[in-house]
Amino acid sequence: MKLGRFAIVYLGIMVALMVLILLVQAIFRFDISNAGMAIIPAMGAAMVEGQAFAKAQERMPESAEMWGFARRAGIVILGLTLLSTAAFSIAVPEIKHILSQPQGTMFLLVAVLFQAMISFLLVRFFLATGAKSMLRAQKRP
């Protein structure tokens, strides 16, 4: 399992979601963004990685392999989330406002850590799901 490919797919899905949100806001004047959208990149990138592993190895990854990759991916997700939060704190007034509050920084840090913890679990689950789906697809004629 390749962490670089995971990070690129994660960033690609993250950017695609941001573009989608902005397009919907511009066209329909409706905000579709929500906190649940923060976990979509982890799910998608883990699915892709699980499928790539199964295609290359023609087997399911072992549980220890999946947990190990999920730990490394969780650290990457935490880093990317912290970087994007720092970048958005400059451009997004709502984040800037939260950070200006007395407990705002701690609140934002807890939210980022919570997202990383949930993403860690999701990466493990969707790695297995992606690998299973690829192995099933390979068995079909």
Protein backbone atom coordinates (compact mmCIF):
# COMPACT_ATOMS: atom_id res chain seq x y z
CA MET A 1 0.00 0.00 0.00
CA LYS A 2 1.42 3.32 -1.05
CA LEU A 3 1.04 6.32 1.20
CA GLY A 4 1.94 8.76 -1.60
CA ARG A 5 -0.90 7.56 -3.82
CA PHE A 6 -3.25 7.71 -0.82
CA ALA A 7 -2.26 11.33 -0.12
CA ILE A 8 -2.69 12.38 -3.76
CA VAL A 9 -6.14 10.76 -4.01
CA TYR A 10 -7.09 12.26 -0.63
CA LEU A 11 -6.07 15.75 -1.78
CA GLY A 12 -7.80 15.26 -5.14
CA ILE A 13 -11.09 14.32 -3.50
CA MET A 14 -10.73 17.18 -1.02
CA VAL A 15 -10.20 19.72 -3.82
CA ALA A 16 -13.03 18.21 -5.89
CA LEU A 17 -15.41 18.55 -2.93
CA MET A 18 -14.39 22.18 -2.43
CA VAL A 19 -15.01 22.92 -6.11
CA LEU A 20 -18.38 21.14 -5.96
CA ILE A 21 -19.41 23.14 -2.88
CA LEU A 22 -18.41 26.42 -4.53
CA LEU A 23 -20.23 25.53 -7.78
CA VAL A 24 -23.44 24.62 -5.99
CA GLN A 25 -23.23 27.82 -3.95
CA ALA A 26 -22.62 29.92 -7.06
CA ILE A 27 -25.29 28.30 -9.23
CA PHE A 28 -28.05 27.45 -6.74
CA ARG A 29 -27.15 29.81 -3.88
CA PHE A 30 -27.39 26.87 -1.50
CA ASP A 31 -24.68 25.73 0.90
CA ILE A 32 -24.19 21.95 0.82
CA SER A 33 -21.09 21.93 3.01
CA ASN A 34 -21.27 20.11 6.32
CA ALA A 35 -18.99 18.42 8.82
CA GLY A 36 -19.69 14.97 7.37
CA MET A 37 -18.00 15.95 4.13
CA ALA A 38 -14.66 16.01 5.97
CA ILE A 39 -14.55 12.19 6.05
CA ILE A 40 -15.35 11.60 2.37
CA PRO A 41 -11.72 12.02 1.17
CA ALA A 42 -10.50 9.40 3.66
CA MET A 43 -13.16 6.93 2.55
CA GLY A 44 -12.49 7.45 -1.15
CA ALA A 45 -8.70 7.34 -0.87
CA ALA A 46 -8.83 4.19 1.28
CA MET A 47 -11.15 2.49 -1.25
CA VAL A 48 -8.75 3.30 -4.08
CA GLU A 49 -5.78 2.07 -2.08
CA GLY A 50 -7.52 -1.17 -1.11
CA GLN A 51 -8.45 -1.81 -4.74
CA ALA A 52 -4.91 -1.07 -5.93
CA PHE A 53 -3.47 -3.44 -3.32
CA ALA A 54 -5.83 -6.27 -4.25
CA LYS A 55 -5.19 -5.76 -7.95
CA ALA A 56 -1.41 -5.85 -7.51
CA GLN A 57 -1.20 -8.62 -4.87
CA GLU A 58 -4.30 -10.62 -5.84
CA ARG A 59 -5.13 -11.14 -2.16
CA MET A 60 -6.74 -9.40 0.77
CA PRO A 61 -4.35 -7.37 2.90
CA GLU A 62 -3.79 -8.92 6.30
CA SER A 63 -5.35 -7.24 9.29
CA ALA A 64 -1.98 -6.07 10.61
CA GLU A 65 -1.13 -4.55 7.21
CA MET A 66 -4.42 -2.65 7.16
CA TRP A 67 -4.05 -1.35 10.71
CA GLY A 68 -0.46 -0.31 10.02
CA PHE A 69 -1.45 1.54 6.88
CA ALA A 70 -4.41 3.14 8.68
CA ARG A 71 -2.01 4.47 11.36
CA ARG A 72 0.31 5.99 8.76
CA ALA A 73 -2.61 7.35 6.75
CA GLY A 74 -4.11 8.82 9.92
CA ILE A 75 -0.91 10.80 10.50
CA VAL A 76 -0.98 12.01 6.88
CA ILE A 77 -4.64 13.00 7.26
CA LEU A 78 -3.87 14.86 10.48
CA GLY A 79 -1.03 16.74 8.79
CA LEU A 80 -3.09 17.62 5.71
CA THR A 81 -6.03 18.70 7.86
CA LEU A 82 -3.82 20.92 10.01
CA LEU A 83 -2.29 22.48 6.88
CA SER A 84 -5.67 23.08 5.27
CA THR A 85 -7.06 24.52 8.51
CA ALA A 86 -4.12 26.92 8.70
CA ALA A 87 -4.62 27.94 5.06
CA PHE A 88 -8.38 28.34 5.46
CA SER A 89 -7.94 30.38 8.63
CA ILE A 90 -6.55 33.11 6.40
CA ALA A 91 -9.23 32.92 3.71
CA VAL A 92 -12.40 31.87 5.55
CA PRO A 93 -13.84 34.47 7.94
CA GLU A 94 -15.67 31.87 10.05
CA ILE A 95 -12.46 30.02 10.90
CA LYS A 96 -10.67 33.28 11.54
CA HIS A 97 -13.47 34.23 13.95
CA ILE A 98 -13.28 30.88 15.78
CA LEU A 99 -9.53 31.27 16.22
CA SER A 100 -9.98 34.78 17.65
CA GLN A 101 -12.15 33.45 20.49
CA PRO A 102 -10.50 32.56 23.85
CA GLN A 103 -11.11 28.81 23.50
CA GLY A 104 -11.40 28.81 19.70
CA THR A 105 -8.01 27.34 18.95
CA MET A 106 -8.55 24.49 21.42
CA PHE A 107 -12.00 23.81 19.96
CA LEU A 108 -10.60 23.69 16.43
CA LEU A 109 -7.73 21.42 17.52
CA VAL A 110 -10.14 19.00 19.21
CA ALA A 111 -12.30 18.96 16.05
CA VAL A 112 -9.25 18.23 13.85
CA LEU A 113 -8.08 15.45 16.19
CA PHE A 114 -11.58 13.96 16.24
CA GLN A 115 -11.69 14.00 12.44
CA ALA A 116 -8.27 12.29 12.28
CA MET A 117 -9.38 9.60 14.73
CA ILE A 118 -12.60 8.89 12.79
CA SER A 119 -10.64 8.92 9.52
CA PHE A 120 -8.18 6.38 10.95
CA LEU A 121 -11.03 3.95 11.60
CA LEU A 122 -12.64 4.65 8.24
CA VAL A 123 -9.36 4.06 6.39
CA ARG A 124 -9.08 0.62 7.97
CA PHE A 125 -12.67 -0.27 7.08
CA PHE A 126 -12.60 1.08 3.51
CA LEU A 127 -9.22 -0.51 2.74
CA ALA A 128 -10.85 -3.87 3.37
CA THR A 129 -13.98 -2.89 1.43
CA GLY A 130 -11.95 -1.72 -1.57
CA ALA A 131 -9.83 -4.86 -1.60
CA LYS A 132 -12.90 -7.13 -1.32
CA SER A 133 -14.66 -5.36 -4.16
CA MET A 134 -11.61 -5.67 -6.43
CA LEU A 135 -11.14 -9.36 -5.65
CA ARG A 136 -14.83 -10.01 -6.39
CA ALA A 137 -14.57 -8.09 -9.65
CA GLN A 138 -11.51 -10.12 -10.68
CA LYS A 139 -13.38 -13.39 -10.10
CA ARG A 140 -16.18 -12.40 -12.48
CA PRO A 141 -15.85 -13.57 -16.07
